[in-house]
Structures are given as structure tokens and as C-alpha cells.
PDB file of N, CA and C in Angstrom:
ATOM      1  N   MET A   1       0.805  -1.187   0.000  1.00  0.00           N
ATOM      2  CA  MET A   1       0.000   0.000   0.000  1.00  0.00           C
ATOM      3  C   MET A   1       0.862   1.272   0.000  1.00  0.00           C
ATOM      4  N   LEU A   2       1.832   1.330   0.917  1.00  0.00           N
ATOM      5  CA  LEU A   2       2.717   2.486   0.963  1.00  0.00           C
ATOM      6  C   LEU A   2       3.946   2.218   0.110  1.00  0.00           C
ATOM      7  N   PRO A   3       4.518   3.251  -0.471  1.00  0.00           N
ATOM      8  CA  PRO A   3       5.749   3.056  -1.236  1.00  0.00           C
ATOM      9  C   PRO A   3       6.865   2.518  -0.336  1.00  0.00           C
ATOM     10  N   GLU A   4       7.740   1.728  -0.925  1.00  0.00           N
ATOM     11  CA  GLU A   4       8.775   1.051  -0.150  1.00  0.00           C
ATOM     12  C   GLU A   4       9.758   2.024   0.507  1.00  0.00           C
ATOM     13  N   GLY A   5      10.121   3.086  -0.167  1.00  0.00           N
ATOM     14  CA  GLY A   5      11.116   4.015   0.361  1.00  0.00           C
ATOM     15  C   GLY A   5      10.541   5.156   1.168  1.00  0.00           C
ATOM     16  N   LEU A   6       9.294   5.044   1.592  1.00  0.00           N
ATOM     17  CA  LEU A   6       8.646   6.154   2.282  1.00  0.00           C
ATOM     18  C   LEU A   6       9.335   6.494   3.594  1.00  0.00           C
ATOM     19  N   TYR A   7       9.686   5.494   4.372  1.00  0.00           N
ATOM     20  CA  TYR A   7      10.256   5.750   5.688  1.00  0.00           C
ATOM     21  C   TYR A   7      11.775   5.665   5.705  1.00  0.00           C
ATOM     22  N   LYS A   8      12.388   5.460   4.561  1.00  0.00           N
ATOM     23  CA  LYS A   8      13.847   5.451   4.498  1.00  0.00           C
ATOM     24  C   LYS A   8      14.321   6.895   4.392  1.00  0.00           C
ATOM     25  N   ARG A   9      15.220   7.236   5.272  1.00  0.00           N
ATOM     26  CA  ARG A   9      15.731   8.596   5.280  1.00  0.00           C
ATOM     27  C   ARG A   9      17.101   8.637   4.632  1.00  0.00           C
ATOM     28  N   ARG A  10      17.396   9.763   4.056  1.00  0.00           N
ATOM     29  CA  ARG A  10      18.725   9.941   3.491  1.00  0.00           C
ATOM     30  C   ARG A  10      19.734  10.111   4.623  1.00  0.00           C
ATOM     31  N   ARG A  11      20.934   9.623   4.407  1.00  0.00           N
ATOM     32  CA  ARG A  11      21.966   9.716   5.419  1.00  0.00           C
ATOM     33  C   ARG A  11      22.348  11.180   5.653  1.00  0.00           C
ATOM     34  N   ASN A  12      22.524  11.549   6.920  1.00  0.00           N
ATOM     35  CA  ASN A  12      22.910  12.901   7.333  1.00  0.00           C
ATOM     36  C   ASN A  12      21.928  13.961   6.839  1.00  0.00           C
ATOM     37  N   HIS A  13      20.666  13.632   6.844  1.00  0.00           N
ATOM     38  CA  HIS A  13      19.663  14.590   6.393  1.00  0.00           C
ATOM     39  C   HIS A  13      18.470  14.518   7.336  1.00  0.00           C
ATOM     40  N   ASN A  14      18.129  15.619   7.930  1.00  0.00           N
ATOM     41  CA  ASN A  14      17.027  15.605   8.884  1.00  0.00           C
ATOM     42  C   ASN A  14      15.848  16.465   8.444  1.00  0.00           C
ATOM     43  N   ASN A  15      15.820  16.877   7.208  1.00  0.00           N
ATOM     44  CA  ASN A  15      14.687  17.589   6.603  1.00  0.00           C
ATOM     45  C   ASN A  15      14.377  18.938   7.237  1.00  0.00           C
ATOM     46  N   THR A  16      15.253  19.494   8.030  1.00  0.00           N
ATOM     47  CA  THR A  16      15.039  20.813   8.596  1.00  0.00           C
ATOM     48  C   THR A  16      15.955  21.794   7.871  1.00  0.00           C
ATOM     49  N   PRO A  17      15.384  22.818   7.238  1.00  0.00           N
ATOM     50  CA  PRO A  17      16.220  23.777   6.508  1.00  0.00           C
ATOM     51  C   PRO A  17      17.145  24.543   7.454  1.00  0.00           C
ATOM     52  N   PRO A  18      18.329  24.900   6.991  1.00  0.00           N
ATOM     53  CA  PRO A  18      19.262  25.651   7.837  1.00  0.00           C
ATOM     54  C   PRO A  18      18.705  26.993   8.295  1.00  0.00           C
ATOM     55  N   SER A  19      17.845  27.613   7.498  1.00  0.00           N
ATOM     56  CA  SER A  19      17.278  28.903   7.910  1.00  0.00           C
ATOM     57  C   SER A  19      16.386  28.743   9.133  1.00  0.00           C
ATOM     58  N   VAL A  20      15.629  27.659   9.205  1.00  0.00           N
ATOM     59  CA  VAL A  20      14.772  27.409  10.373  1.00  0.00           C
ATOM     60  C   VAL A  20      15.628  27.116  11.596  1.00  0.00           C
ATOM     61  N   LEU A  21      16.689  26.337  11.420  1.00  0.00           N
ATOM     62  CA  LEU A  21      17.585  26.050  12.539  1.00  0.00           C
ATOM     63  C   LEU A  21      18.252  27.323  13.052  1.00  0.00           C
ATOM     64  N   LEU A  22      18.616  28.223  12.152  1.00  0.00           N
ATOM     65  CA  LEU A  22      19.242  29.478  12.556  1.00  0.00           C
ATOM     66  C   LEU A  22      18.268  30.345  13.343  1.00  0.00           C
ATOM     67  N   ILE A  23      17.037  30.440  12.888  1.00  0.00           N
ATOM     68  CA  ILE A  23      16.032  31.238  13.596  1.00  0.00           C
ATOM     69  C   ILE A  23      15.749  30.645  14.969  1.00  0.00           C
ATOM     70  N   LEU A  24      15.624  29.327  15.052  1.00  0.00           N
ATOM     71  CA  LEU A  24      15.388  28.685  16.349  1.00  0.00           C
ATOM     72  C   LEU A  24      16.569  28.887  17.295  1.00  0.00           C
ATOM     73  N   THR A  25      17.777  28.775  16.782  1.00  0.00           N
ATOM     74  CA  THR A  25      18.963  29.000  17.609  1.00  0.00           C
ATOM     75  C   THR A  25      18.978  30.421  18.141  1.00  0.00           C
ATOM     76  N   ASN A  26      18.693  31.385  17.283  1.00  0.00           N
ATOM     77  CA  ASN A  26      18.660  32.782  17.718  1.00  0.00           C
ATOM     78  C   ASN A  26      17.626  33.003  18.814  1.00  0.00           C
ATOM     79  N   CYS A  27      16.434  32.465  18.626  1.00  0.00           N
ATOM     80  CA  CYS A  27      15.364  32.665  19.608  1.00  0.00           C
ATOM     81  C   CYS A  27      15.702  32.032  20.951  1.00  0.00           C
ATOM     82  N   ILE A  28      16.225  30.820  20.933  1.00  0.00           N
ATOM     83  CA  ILE A  28      16.538  30.131  22.186  1.00  0.00           C
ATOM     84  C   ILE A  28      17.673  30.830  22.924  1.00  0.00           C
ATOM     85  N   VAL A  29      18.739  31.175  22.211  1.00  0.00           N
ATOM     86  CA  VAL A  29      19.874  31.839  22.857  1.00  0.00           C
ATOM     87  C   VAL A  29      19.458  33.193  23.405  1.00  0.00           C
ATOM     88  N   LEU A  30      18.702  33.964  22.651  1.00  0.00           N
ATOM     89  CA  LEU A  30      18.280  35.278  23.125  1.00  0.00           C
ATOM     90  C   LEU A  30      17.330  35.168  24.310  1.00  0.00           C
ATOM     91  N   ALA A  31      16.438  34.190  24.305  1.00  0.00           N
ATOM     92  CA  ALA A  31      15.524  34.016  25.437  1.00  0.00           C
ATOM     93  C   ALA A  31      16.289  33.687  26.716  1.00  0.00           C
ATOM     94  N   VAL A  32      17.273  32.815  26.614  1.00  0.00           N
ATOM     95  CA  VAL A  32      18.076  32.467  27.792  1.00  0.00           C
ATOM     96  C   VAL A  32      18.894  33.669  28.252  1.00  0.00           C
ATOM     97  N   LEU A  33      19.477  34.400  27.314  1.00  0.00           N
ATOM     98  CA  LEU A  33      20.274  35.569  27.679  1.00  0.00           C
ATOM     99  C   LEU A  33      19.436  36.641  28.357  1.00  0.00           C
ATOM    100  N   ILE A  34      18.253  36.889  27.843  1.00  0.00           N
ATOM    101  CA  ILE A  34      17.394  37.912  28.444  1.00  0.00           C
ATOM    102  C   ILE A  34      17.044  37.534  29.874  1.00  0.00           C
ATOM    103  N   GLN A  35      16.740  36.270  30.099  1.00  0.00           N
ATOM    104  CA  GLN A  35      16.366  35.839  31.444  1.00  0.00           C
ATOM    105  C   GLN A  35      17.540  35.898  32.415  1.00  0.00           C
ATOM    106  N   LEU A  36      18.740  35.581  31.951  1.00  0.00           N
ATOM    107  CA  LEU A  36      19.877  35.487  32.860  1.00  0.00           C
ATOM    108  C   LEU A  36      20.633  36.796  33.053  1.00  0.00           C
ATOM    109  N   TYR A  37      20.757  37.607  32.017  1.00  0.00           N
ATOM    110  CA  TYR A  37      21.704  38.713  32.071  1.00  0.00           C
ATOM    111  C   TYR A  37      21.100  40.099  31.933  1.00  0.00           C
ATOM    112  N   THR A  38      19.799  40.231  31.922  1.00  0.00           N
ATOM    113  CA  THR A  38      19.217  41.568  31.971  1.00  0.00           C
ATOM    114  C   THR A  38      18.691  41.782  33.371  1.00  0.00           C
ATOM    115  N   GLY A  39      19.235  42.772  34.033  1.00  0.00           N
ATOM    116  CA  GLY A  39      18.886  43.018  35.422  1.00  0.00           C
ATOM    117  C   GLY A  39      17.871  44.122  35.560  1.00  0.00           C
ATOM    118  N   CYS A  40      17.788  44.628  36.771  1.00  0.00           N
ATOM    119  CA  CYS A  40      16.798  45.662  37.073  1.00  0.00           C
ATOM    120  C   CYS A  40      17.138  46.992  36.403  1.00  0.00           C
ATOM    121  N   SER A  41      18.389  47.389  36.463  1.00  0.00           N
ATOM    122  CA  SER A  41      18.724  48.689  35.893  1.00  0.00           C
ATOM    123  C   SER A  41      19.781  48.608  34.795  1.00  0.00           C
ATOM    124  N   THR A  42      20.578  47.565  34.782  1.00  0.00           N
ATOM    125  CA  THR A  42      21.642  47.465  33.787  1.00  0.00           C
ATOM    126  C   THR A  42      21.594  46.111  33.087  1.00  0.00           C
ATOM    127  N   ILE A  43      22.304  46.066  31.985  1.00  0.00           N
ATOM    128  CA  ILE A  43      22.451  44.820  31.238  1.00  0.00           C
ATOM    129  C   ILE A  43      23.905  44.384  31.388  1.00  0.00           C
ATOM    130  N   ASN A  44      24.100  43.139  31.762  1.00  0.00           N
ATOM    131  CA  ASN A  44      25.434  42.600  31.965  1.00  0.00           C
ATOM    132  C   ASN A  44      26.214  42.652  30.654  1.00  0.00           C
ATOM    133  N   SER A  45      27.513  42.947  30.744  1.00  0.00           N
ATOM    134  CA  SER A  45      28.329  43.046  29.530  1.00  0.00           C
ATOM    135  C   SER A  45      28.493  41.689  28.844  1.00  0.00           C
ATOM    136  N   PHE A  46      28.384  40.593  29.591  1.00  0.00           N
ATOM    137  CA  PHE A  46      28.458  39.271  28.980  1.00  0.00           C
ATOM    138  C   PHE A  46      27.320  39.073  27.986  1.00  0.00           C
ATOM    139  N   PHE A  47      26.181  39.695  28.235  1.00  0.00           N
ATOM    140  CA  PHE A  47      25.046  39.638  27.312  1.00  0.00           C
ATOM    141  C   PHE A  47      25.466  40.143  25.936  1.00  0.00           C
ATOM    142  N   TRP A  48      26.145  41.289  25.907  1.00  0.00           N
ATOM    143  CA  TRP A  48      26.542  41.876  24.630  1.00  0.00           C
ATOM    144  C   TRP A  48      27.630  41.057  23.944  1.00  0.00           C
ATOM    145  N   VAL A  49      28.500  40.416  24.725  1.00  0.00           N
ATOM    146  CA  VAL A  49      29.532  39.555  24.142  1.00  0.00           C
ATOM    147  C   VAL A  49      28.885  38.361  23.444  1.00  0.00           C
ATOM    148  N   VAL A  50      27.903  37.744  24.092  1.00  0.00           N
ATOM    149  CA  VAL A  50      27.239  36.584  23.497  1.00  0.00           C
ATOM    150  C   VAL A  50      26.396  37.004  22.294  1.00  0.00           C
ATOM    151  N   VAL A  51      25.763  38.163  22.343  1.00  0.00           N
ATOM    152  CA  VAL A  51      24.994  38.651  21.189  1.00  0.00           C
ATOM    153  C   VAL A  51      25.928  38.897  20.000  1.00  0.00           C
ATOM    154  N   ALA A  52      27.121  39.434  20.256  1.00  0.00           N
ATOM    155  CA  ALA A  52      28.094  39.621  19.171  1.00  0.00           C
ATOM    156  C   ALA A  52      28.538  38.272  18.606  1.00  0.00           C
ATOM    157  N   GLY A  53      28.755  37.297  19.470  1.00  0.00           N
ATOM    158  CA  GLY A  53      29.097  35.953  19.000  1.00  0.00           C
ATOM    159  C   GLY A  53      27.979  35.333  18.185  1.00  0.00           C
ATOM    160  N   LEU A  54      26.749  35.567  18.607  1.00  0.00           N
ATOM    161  CA  LEU A  54      25.596  35.061  17.864  1.00  0.00           C
ATOM    162  C   LEU A  54      25.494  35.734  16.495  1.00  0.00           C
ATOM    163  N   ALA A  55      25.816  37.020  16.429  1.00  0.00           N
ATOM    164  CA  ALA A  55      25.808  37.719  15.141  1.00  0.00           C
ATOM    165  C   ALA A  55      26.872  37.143  14.203  1.00  0.00           C
ATOM    166  N   LEU A  56      28.050  36.845  14.738  1.00  0.00           N
ATOM    167  CA  LEU A  56      29.090  36.220  13.912  1.00  0.00           C
ATOM    168  C   LEU A  56      28.667  34.836  13.443  1.00  0.00           C
ATOM    169  N   TYR A  57      28.007  34.085  14.310  1.00  0.00           N
ATOM    170  CA  TYR A  57      27.499  32.769  13.926  1.00  0.00           C
ATOM    171  C   TYR A  57      26.461  32.894  12.814  1.00  0.00           C
ATOM    172  N   ASN A  58      25.612  33.918  12.889  1.00  0.00           N
ATOM    173  CA  ASN A  58      24.612  34.141  11.844  1.00  0.00           C
ATOM    174  C   ASN A  58      25.277  34.433  10.502  1.00  0.00           C
ATOM    175  N   VAL A  59      26.287  35.293  10.508  1.00  0.00           N
ATOM    176  CA  VAL A  59      26.986  35.624   9.263  1.00  0.00           C
ATOM    177  C   VAL A  59      27.639  34.372   8.686  1.00  0.00           C
ATOM    178  N   TYR A  60      28.296  33.593   9.542  1.00  0.00           N
ATOM    179  CA  TYR A  60      28.949  32.359   9.085  1.00  0.00           C
ATOM    180  C   TYR A  60      27.929  31.386   8.500  1.00  0.00           C
ATOM    181  N   ASN A  61      26.814  31.210   9.190  1.00  0.00           N
ATOM    182  CA  ASN A  61      25.804  30.246   8.757  1.00  0.00           C
ATOM    183  C   ASN A  61      25.145  30.684   7.449  1.00  0.00           C
ATOM    184  N   ILE A  62      24.875  31.964   7.301  1.00  0.00           N
ATOM    185  CA  ILE A  62      24.250  32.458   6.072  1.00  0.00           C
ATOM    186  C   ILE A  62      25.217  32.328   4.896  1.00  0.00           C
ATOM    187  N   ARG A  63      26.489  32.630   5.106  1.00  0.00           N
ATOM    188  CA  ARG A  63      27.464  32.493   4.014  1.00  0.00           C
ATOM    189  C   ARG A  63      27.699  31.033   3.649  1.00  0.00           C
ATOM    190  N   ARG A  64      27.665  30.146   4.635  1.00  0.00           N
ATOM    191  CA  ARG A  64      27.890  28.724   4.371  1.00  0.00           C
ATOM    192  C   ARG A  64      26.728  28.115   3.602  1.00  0.00           C
ATOM    193  N   ASN A  65      25.504  28.529   3.907  1.00  0.00           N
ATOM    194  CA  ASN A  65      24.303  27.974   3.275  1.00  0.00           C
ATOM    195  C   ASN A  65      23.637  29.007   2.379  1.00  0.00           C
ATOM    196  N   ARG A  66      24.411  29.714   1.592  1.00  0.00           N
ATOM    197  CA  ARG A  66      23.876  30.809   0.772  1.00  0.00           C
ATOM    198  C   ARG A  66      22.803  30.339  -0.205  1.00  0.00           C
ATOM    199  N   GLU A  67      22.923  29.135  -0.734  1.00  0.00           N
ATOM    200  CA  GLU A  67      21.945  28.650  -1.716  1.00  0.00           C
ATOM    201  C   GLU A  67      20.583  28.383  -1.085  1.00  0.00           C
ATOM    202  N   GLU A  68      20.535  28.210   0.232  1.00  0.00           N
ATOM    203  CA  GLU A  68      19.263  27.959   0.917  1.00  0.00           C
ATOM    204  C   GLU A  68      18.458  29.240   1.144  1.00  0.00           C
ATOM    205  N   TYR A  69      19.126  30.381   1.110  1.00  0.00           N
ATOM    206  CA  TYR A  69      18.468  31.638   1.452  1.00  0.00           C
ATOM    207  C   TYR A  69      17.974  32.339   0.193  1.00  0.00           C
ATOM    208  N   ASN A  70      16.727  32.062  -0.153  1.00  0.00           N
ATOM    209  CA  ASN A  70      16.099  32.790  -1.246  1.00  0.00           C
ATOM    210  C   ASN A  70      15.427  34.033  -0.665  1.00  0.00           C
ATOM    211  N   LYS A  71      14.680  34.741  -1.470  1.00  0.00           N
ATOM    212  CA  LYS A  71      14.086  36.005  -1.025  1.00  0.00           C
ATOM    213  C   LYS A  71      13.120  35.797   0.135  1.00  0.00           C
ATOM    214  N   LEU A  72      12.310  34.752   0.090  1.00  0.00           N
ATOM    215  CA  LEU A  72      11.347  34.489   1.160  1.00  0.00           C
ATOM    216  C   LEU A  72      12.053  34.163   2.471  1.00  0.00           C
ATOM    217  N   ASN A  73      13.089  33.342   2.429  1.00  0.00           N
ATOM    218  CA  ASN A  73      13.814  32.995   3.653  1.00  0.00           C
ATOM    219  C   ASN A  73      14.504  34.205   4.263  1.00  0.00           C
ATOM    220  N   ILE A  74      15.012  35.095   3.429  1.00  0.00           N
ATOM    221  CA  ILE A  74      15.654  36.304   3.941  1.00  0.00           C
ATOM    222  C   ILE A  74      14.628  37.212   4.602  1.00  0.00           C
ATOM    223  N   ILE A  75      13.445  37.338   4.020  1.00  0.00           N
ATOM    224  CA  ILE A  75      12.386  38.156   4.620  1.00  0.00           C
ATOM    225  C   ILE A  75      11.961  37.571   5.962  1.00  0.00           C
ATOM    226  N   VAL A  76      11.791  36.261   6.029  1.00  0.00           N
ATOM    227  CA  VAL A  76      11.414  35.611   7.292  1.00  0.00           C
ATOM    228  C   VAL A  76      12.513  35.796   8.333  1.00  0.00           C
ATOM    229  N   TYR A  77      13.762  35.695   7.924  1.00  0.00           N
ATOM    230  CA  TYR A  77      14.884  35.883   8.844  1.00  0.00           C
ATOM    231  C   TYR A  77      14.898  37.305   9.397  1.00  0.00           C
ATOM    232  N   ILE A  78      14.710  38.306   8.541  1.00  0.00           N
ATOM    233  CA  ILE A  78      14.701  39.702   8.991  1.00  0.00           C
ATOM    234  C   ILE A  78      13.528  39.956   9.929  1.00  0.00           C
ATOM    235  N   ILE A  79      12.361  39.400   9.623  1.00  0.00           N
ATOM    236  CA  ILE A  79      11.198  39.557  10.508  1.00  0.00           C
ATOM    237  C   ILE A  79      11.473  38.917  11.864  1.00  0.00           C
ATOM    238  N   SER A  80      12.137  37.766  11.876  1.00  0.00           N
ATOM    239  CA  SER A  80      12.440  37.118  13.157  1.00  0.00           C
ATOM    240  C   SER A  80      13.424  37.949  13.976  1.00  0.00           C
ATOM    241  N   ILE A  81      14.401  38.571  13.323  1.00  0.00           N
ATOM    242  CA  ILE A  81      15.347  39.436  14.035  1.00  0.00           C
ATOM    243  C   ILE A  81      14.613  40.645  14.616  1.00  0.00           C
ATOM    244  N   LEU A  82      13.728  41.246  13.835  1.00  0.00           N
ATOM    245  CA  LEU A  82      12.954  42.389  14.338  1.00  0.00           C
ATOM    246  C   LEU A  82      12.053  41.981  15.498  1.00  0.00           C
ATOM    247  N   LEU A  83      11.462  40.808  15.418  1.00  0.00           N
ATOM    248  CA  LEU A  83      10.630  40.309  16.511  1.00  0.00           C
ATOM    249  C   LEU A  83      11.457  40.086  17.773  1.00  0.00           C
ATOM    250  N   MET A  84      12.666  39.570  17.628  1.00  0.00           N
ATOM    251  CA  MET A  84      13.522  39.362  18.801  1.00  0.00           C
ATOM    252  C   MET A  84      13.950  40.692  19.420  1.00  0.00           C
ATOM    253  N   ILE A  85      14.206  41.707  18.596  1.00  0.00           N
ATOM    254  CA  ILE A  85      14.538  43.033  19.126  1.00  0.00           C
ATOM    255  C   ILE A  85      13.346  43.599  19.886  1.00  0.00           C
ATOM    256  N   PHE A  86      12.152  43.457  19.322  1.00  0.00           N
ATOM    257  CA  PHE A  86      10.950  43.918  20.013  1.00  0.00           C
ATOM    258  C   PHE A  86      10.774  43.198  21.347  1.00  0.00           C
ATOM    259  N   LEU A  87      10.954  41.886  21.358  1.00  0.00           N
ATOM    260  CA  LEU A  87      10.801  41.127  22.600  1.00  0.00           C
ATOM    261  C   LEU A  87      11.851  41.517  23.636  1.00  0.00           C
ATOM    262  N   PHE A  88      13.062  41.823  23.184  1.00  0.00           N
ATOM    263  CA  PHE A  88      14.092  42.280  24.115  1.00  0.00           C
ATOM    264  C   PHE A  88      13.651  43.556  24.820  1.00  0.00           C
ATOM    265  N   TYR A  89      13.176  44.536  24.052  1.00  0.00           N
ATOM    266  CA  TYR A  89      12.732  45.786  24.669  1.00  0.00           C
ATOM    267  C   TYR A  89      11.471  45.589  25.502  1.00  0.00           C
ATOM    268  N   TYR A  90      10.605  44.711  25.080  1.00  0.00           N
ATOM    269  CA  TYR A  90       9.384  44.442  25.842  1.00  0.00           C
ATOM    270  C   TYR A  90       9.717  43.820  27.193  1.00  0.00           C
ATOM    271  N   PHE A  91      10.562  42.792  27.196  1.00  0.00           N
ATOM    272  CA  PHE A  91      10.896  42.126  28.456  1.00  0.00           C
ATOM    273  C   PHE A  91      11.771  42.992  29.351  1.00  0.00           C
ATOM    274  N   SER A  92      12.619  43.822  28.779  1.00  0.00           N
ATOM    275  CA  SER A  92      13.445  44.681  29.622  1.00  0.00           C
ATOM    276  C   SER A  92      12.631  45.826  30.218  1.00  0.00           C
ATOM    277  N   ALA A  93      11.493  46.158  29.626  1.00  0.00           N
ATOM    278  CA  ALA A  93      10.640  47.216  30.171  1.00  0.00           C
ATOM    279  C   ALA A  93       9.695  46.704  31.253  1.00  0.00           C
ATOM    280  N   GLN A  94       9.558  45.399  31.374  1.00  0.00           N
ATOM    281  CA  GLN A  94       8.677  44.827  32.394  1.00  0.00           C
ATOM    282  C   GLN A  94       9.300  45.007  33.777  1.00  0.00           C
ATOM    283  N   PRO A  95       8.474  45.144  34.813  1.00  0.00           N
ATOM    284  CA  PRO A  95       9.031  45.284  36.168  1.00  0.00           C
ATOM    285  C   PRO A  95       9.722  43.992  36.616  1.00  0.00           C
ATOM    286  N   HIS A  96      10.872  44.166  37.267  1.00  0.00           N
ATOM    287  CA  HIS A  96      11.644  43.036  37.766  1.00  0.00           C
ATOM    288  C   HIS A  96      11.580  43.014  39.286  1.00  0.00           C
ATOM    289  N   LYS A  97      11.763  41.839  39.849  1.00  0.00           N
ATOM    290  CA  LYS A  97      11.876  41.728  41.306  1.00  0.00           C
ATOM    291  C   LYS A  97      13.344  41.877  41.662  1.00  0.00           C
ATOM    292  N   CYS A  98      13.678  42.998  42.250  1.00  0.00           N
ATOM    293  CA  CYS A  98      15.091  43.264  42.572  1.00  0.00           C
ATOM    294  C   CYS A  98      15.389  42.985  44.027  1.00  0.00           C
TER     295      CYS A  98
END
């Protein structure tokens, strides 16, 4: 009934596009950083070091997988970055228990 190769997977292939993995990595790292390193009045300098490292990782990943990033993927990536910036300012404006 089902085709024979339906459940056979290609070696070293997990069907997740690199652009989706990059967006998920950015969201998870930024969420953890916001929770750990944004305080009541200041932002820890380690936060900015890790954000710079994440930016370098993004540049490396986009250059390595350039053929995967068509116009739609680039638009989705930019929207996700803007959403993360908005969430950073939203969460940093919320009252903290100091």
C-alpha cells in the first residue's frame, strides 16, 4: 500500500532547513540571555559579548548555506530578528523583582 522508500531517510539529512535552525537557535539563545543577564537597571556586559558571537554565527551560517536563502527565507529571517529586538525591549521594560 505504501511506497517502499517512504520511511527510508537519506543519510545525514534531517529535513530541517538551515534557515529554520538558525532562527530557532537565535530565539533560544536570546531568550536564555534575556532571562539570565538583563537586570533591574543594567544589562550585563556578557550579554553583549554573546549577542556579538551570535551575530558572527549568523553571518557564518548564512554564508555557508547561501543557496538555501532565497528572497522568502531572507524576509522571514529579517522579521524574526525584528521580533527578537521587540521582545528584548518588551521584556526589559517589564518590572523586575530586585
